[in-house]
Amino acid sequence: MIDEKRRVIQEYVPGKQVTLAHVICNPRRELCDRIGVDNHGAIGVMTITPGEGAVIAADIAGKAAPVHLEFVDRFTGCLMVTGDVSSVERALDATVGALQSLLGFYPAGITRS
């Protein structure tokens, strides 16, 4: 009997989507310290494909609500904002909506913890 090895081939398929949009309400000080942000009441995290979309998302989020842009990575598509809970929620909601309606991105539902 011949041993068959299975291989998995993964490819990056370019698409336009918001993969993750999450609000962390009232994060613990330890979490804020570990990721290097001040605690403003909430942290908003988004992952966007293609990664350059994070730059556009950061612009939209910053114009939609008084949030602090903590991290924007055009290579991984990660965006992190902080602010009070309602501002972070408003920023993420506006960003997901604008990416969908203006640029045709497939949206992710905004989750919360």
C-alpha atoms as a PDB file:
ATOM      1  CA  MET A   1       0.000   0.000   0.000  1.00  0.00           C
ATOM      2  CA  ILE A   2       1.377   3.391  -0.962  1.00  0.00           C
ATOM      3  CA  ASP A   3       1.206   6.131   1.635  1.00  0.00           C
ATOM      4  CA  GLU A   4      -0.520   9.101   0.114  1.00  0.00           C
ATOM      5  CA  LYS A   5       0.332  12.526   1.356  1.00  0.00           C
ATOM      6  CA  ARG A   6      -2.298  15.150   1.156  1.00  0.00           C
ATOM      7  CA  ARG A   7      -1.286  18.669   0.370  1.00  0.00           C
ATOM      8  CA  VAL A   8      -3.242  21.797   0.911  1.00  0.00           C
ATOM      9  CA  ILE A   9      -2.545  24.697  -1.374  1.00  0.00           C
ATOM     10  CA  GLN A  10      -3.629  28.096  -0.153  1.00  0.00           C
ATOM     11  CA  GLU A  11      -3.869  31.063  -2.408  1.00  0.00           C
ATOM     12  CA  TYR A  12      -4.528  34.704  -1.739  1.00  0.00           C
ATOM     13  CA  VAL A  13      -7.500  35.644  -3.866  1.00  0.00           C
ATOM     14  CA  PRO A  14      -7.926  39.379  -4.081  1.00  0.00           C
ATOM     15  CA  GLY A  15     -11.364  40.549  -3.134  1.00  0.00           C
ATOM     16  CA  LYS A  16     -12.945  43.528  -1.556  1.00  0.00           C
ATOM     17  CA  GLN A  17     -14.259  42.726   1.875  1.00  0.00           C
ATOM     18  CA  VAL A  18     -14.380  43.721   5.493  1.00  0.00           C
ATOM     19  CA  THR A  19     -13.318  40.511   7.224  1.00  0.00           C
ATOM     20  CA  LEU A  20     -13.690  41.682  10.817  1.00  0.00           C
ATOM     21  CA  ALA A  21     -15.293  44.669  12.523  1.00  0.00           C
ATOM     22  CA  HIS A  22     -15.357  44.386  16.306  1.00  0.00           C
ATOM     23  CA  VAL A  23     -15.846  46.755  19.234  1.00  0.00           C
ATOM     24  CA  ILE A  24     -14.204  45.918  22.555  1.00  0.00           C
ATOM     25  CA  CYS A  25     -16.138  47.850  25.191  1.00  0.00           C
ATOM     26  CA  ASN A  26     -14.355  48.858  28.385  1.00  0.00           C
ATOM     27  CA  PRO A  27     -11.156  46.880  27.777  1.00  0.00           C
ATOM     28  CA  ARG A  28      -9.047  45.853  30.735  1.00  0.00           C
ATOM     29  CA  ARG A  29      -5.972  47.950  31.444  1.00  0.00           C
ATOM     30  CA  GLU A  30      -3.766  44.888  30.844  1.00  0.00           C
ATOM     31  CA  LEU A  31      -5.074  44.512  27.280  1.00  0.00           C
ATOM     32  CA  CYS A  32      -4.529  48.203  26.558  1.00  0.00           C
ATOM     33  CA  ASP A  33      -0.994  48.018  27.904  1.00  0.00           C
ATOM     34  CA  ARG A  34      -0.163  44.927  25.848  1.00  0.00           C
ATOM     35  CA  ILE A  35      -1.368  46.390  22.557  1.00  0.00           C
ATOM     36  CA  GLY A  36      -0.003  49.851  23.321  1.00  0.00           C
ATOM     37  CA  VAL A  37      -3.146  51.984  23.442  1.00  0.00           C
ATOM     38  CA  ASP A  38      -4.624  54.339  25.999  1.00  0.00           C
ATOM     39  CA  ASN A  39      -7.977  53.275  27.394  1.00  0.00           C
ATOM     40  CA  HIS A  40     -10.568  55.676  26.015  1.00  0.00           C
ATOM     41  CA  GLY A  41     -13.553  53.433  26.742  1.00  0.00           C
ATOM     42  CA  ALA A  42     -13.527  51.209  23.659  1.00  0.00           C
ATOM     43  CA  ILE A  43     -11.252  49.720  21.019  1.00  0.00           C
ATOM     44  CA  GLY A  44     -12.449  49.176  17.460  1.00  0.00           C
ATOM     45  CA  VAL A  45     -10.632  46.587  15.351  1.00  0.00           C
ATOM     46  CA  MET A  46     -11.118  46.004  11.634  1.00  0.00           C
ATOM     47  CA  THR A  47      -9.464  43.781   9.061  1.00  0.00           C
ATOM     48  CA  ILE A  48      -9.919  44.732   5.429  1.00  0.00           C
ATOM     49  CA  THR A  49      -8.946  43.083   2.152  1.00  0.00           C
ATOM     50  CA  PRO A  50      -7.130  44.378   0.157  1.00  0.00           C
ATOM     51  CA  GLY A  51      -4.877  45.807   2.835  1.00  0.00           C
ATOM     52  CA  GLU A  52      -4.729  49.250   1.251  1.00  0.00           C
ATOM     53  CA  GLY A  53      -8.411  49.555   2.126  1.00  0.00           C
ATOM     54  CA  ALA A  54      -7.340  50.168   5.723  1.00  0.00           C
ATOM     55  CA  VAL A  55      -6.078  53.604   4.682  1.00  0.00           C
ATOM     56  CA  ILE A  56      -9.484  54.488   3.236  1.00  0.00           C
ATOM     57  CA  ALA A  57     -11.219  52.987   6.270  1.00  0.00           C
ATOM     58  CA  ALA A  58      -9.056  55.070   8.619  1.00  0.00           C
ATOM     59  CA  ASP A  59     -10.028  58.230   6.766  1.00  0.00           C
ATOM     60  CA  ILE A  60     -13.731  57.371   6.906  1.00  0.00           C
ATOM     61  CA  ALA A  61     -13.612  56.386  10.597  1.00  0.00           C
ATOM     62  CA  GLY A  62     -11.777  59.553  11.582  1.00  0.00           C
ATOM     63  CA  LYS A  63     -14.289  61.742   9.763  1.00  0.00           C
ATOM     64  CA  ALA A  64     -17.345  59.871  11.054  1.00  0.00           C
ATOM     65  CA  ALA A  65     -16.636  60.154  14.785  1.00  0.00           C
ATOM     66  CA  PRO A  66     -14.127  61.606  17.255  1.00  0.00           C
ATOM     67  CA  VAL A  67     -11.907  58.528  17.493  1.00  0.00           C
ATOM     68  CA  HIS A  68      -8.143  58.172  17.824  1.00  0.00           C
ATOM     69  CA  LEU A  69      -6.420  56.295  15.006  1.00  0.00           C
ATOM     70  CA  GLU A  70      -4.146  53.953  16.933  1.00  0.00           C
ATOM     71  CA  PHE A  71      -2.906  51.665  14.163  1.00  0.00           C
ATOM     72  CA  VAL A  72      -3.273  51.465  10.380  1.00  0.00           C
ATOM     73  CA  ASP A  73      -1.437  48.802   8.373  1.00  0.00           C
ATOM     74  CA  ARG A  74      -1.813  48.924   4.613  1.00  0.00           C
ATOM     75  CA  PHE A  75      -0.055  45.569   4.249  1.00  0.00           C
ATOM     76  CA  THR A  76      -2.248  43.454   6.551  1.00  0.00           C
ATOM     77  CA  GLY A  77      -5.376  45.581   6.314  1.00  0.00           C
ATOM     78  CA  CYS A  78      -5.601  46.093  10.071  1.00  0.00           C
ATOM     79  CA  LEU A  79      -7.180  49.214  11.532  1.00  0.00           C
ATOM     80  CA  MET A  80      -7.482  49.997  15.245  1.00  0.00           C
ATOM     81  CA  VAL A  81      -9.294  53.005  16.683  1.00  0.00           C
ATOM     82  CA  THR A  82     -10.078  54.049  20.250  1.00  0.00           C
ATOM     83  CA  GLY A  83     -12.587  56.384  21.816  1.00  0.00           C
ATOM     84  CA  ASP A  84     -15.742  56.300  23.849  1.00  0.00           C
ATOM     85  CA  VAL A  85     -18.033  53.363  23.090  1.00  0.00           C
ATOM     86  CA  SER A  86     -20.592  55.293  21.035  1.00  0.00           C
ATOM     87  CA  SER A  87     -17.901  57.016  18.936  1.00  0.00           C
ATOM     88  CA  VAL A  88     -16.114  53.749  18.162  1.00  0.00           C
ATOM     89  CA  GLU A  89     -19.403  52.066  17.229  1.00  0.00           C
ATOM     90  CA  ARG A  90     -20.370  55.034  15.025  1.00  0.00           C
ATOM     91  CA  ALA A  91     -16.939  55.022  13.341  1.00  0.00           C
ATOM     92  CA  LEU A  92     -17.070  51.290  12.552  1.00  0.00           C
ATOM     93  CA  ASP A  93     -20.675  51.460  11.375  1.00  0.00           C
ATOM     94  CA  ALA A  94     -19.930  54.389   9.062  1.00  0.00           C
ATOM     95  CA  THR A  95     -16.768  52.739   7.759  1.00  0.00           C
ATOM     96  CA  VAL A  96     -18.364  49.379   6.968  1.00  0.00           C
ATOM     97  CA  GLY A  97     -21.328  51.157   5.349  1.00  0.00           C
ATOM     98  CA  ALA A  98     -19.179  53.445   3.223  1.00  0.00           C
ATOM     99  CA  LEU A  99     -16.850  50.681   2.072  1.00  0.00           C
ATOM    100  CA  GLN A 100     -19.902  48.691   1.012  1.00  0.00           C
ATOM    101  CA  SER A 101     -21.870  51.459  -0.683  1.00  0.00           C
ATOM    102  CA  LEU A 102     -19.043  53.491  -2.225  1.00  0.00           C
ATOM    103  CA  LEU A 103     -16.481  50.832  -3.098  1.00  0.00           C
ATOM    104  CA  GLY A 104     -18.525  47.644  -3.380  1.00  0.00           C
ATOM    105  CA  PHE A 105     -16.866  45.842  -0.471  1.00  0.00           C
ATOM    106  CA  TYR A 106     -18.579  42.808   1.021  1.00  0.00           C
ATOM    107  CA  PRO A 107     -19.414  43.859   4.597  1.00  0.00           C
ATOM    108  CA  ALA A 108     -18.919  42.064   7.891  1.00  0.00           C
ATOM    109  CA  GLY A 109     -21.391  42.444  10.690  1.00  0.00           C
ATOM    110  CA  ILE A 110     -20.112  44.556  13.542  1.00  0.00           C
ATOM    111  CA  THR A 111     -19.627  42.468  16.664  1.00  0.00           C
ATOM    112  CA  ARG A 112     -19.154  43.602  20.237  1.00  0.00           C
ATOM    113  CA  SER A 113     -17.657  42.302  23.466  1.00  0.00           C
END
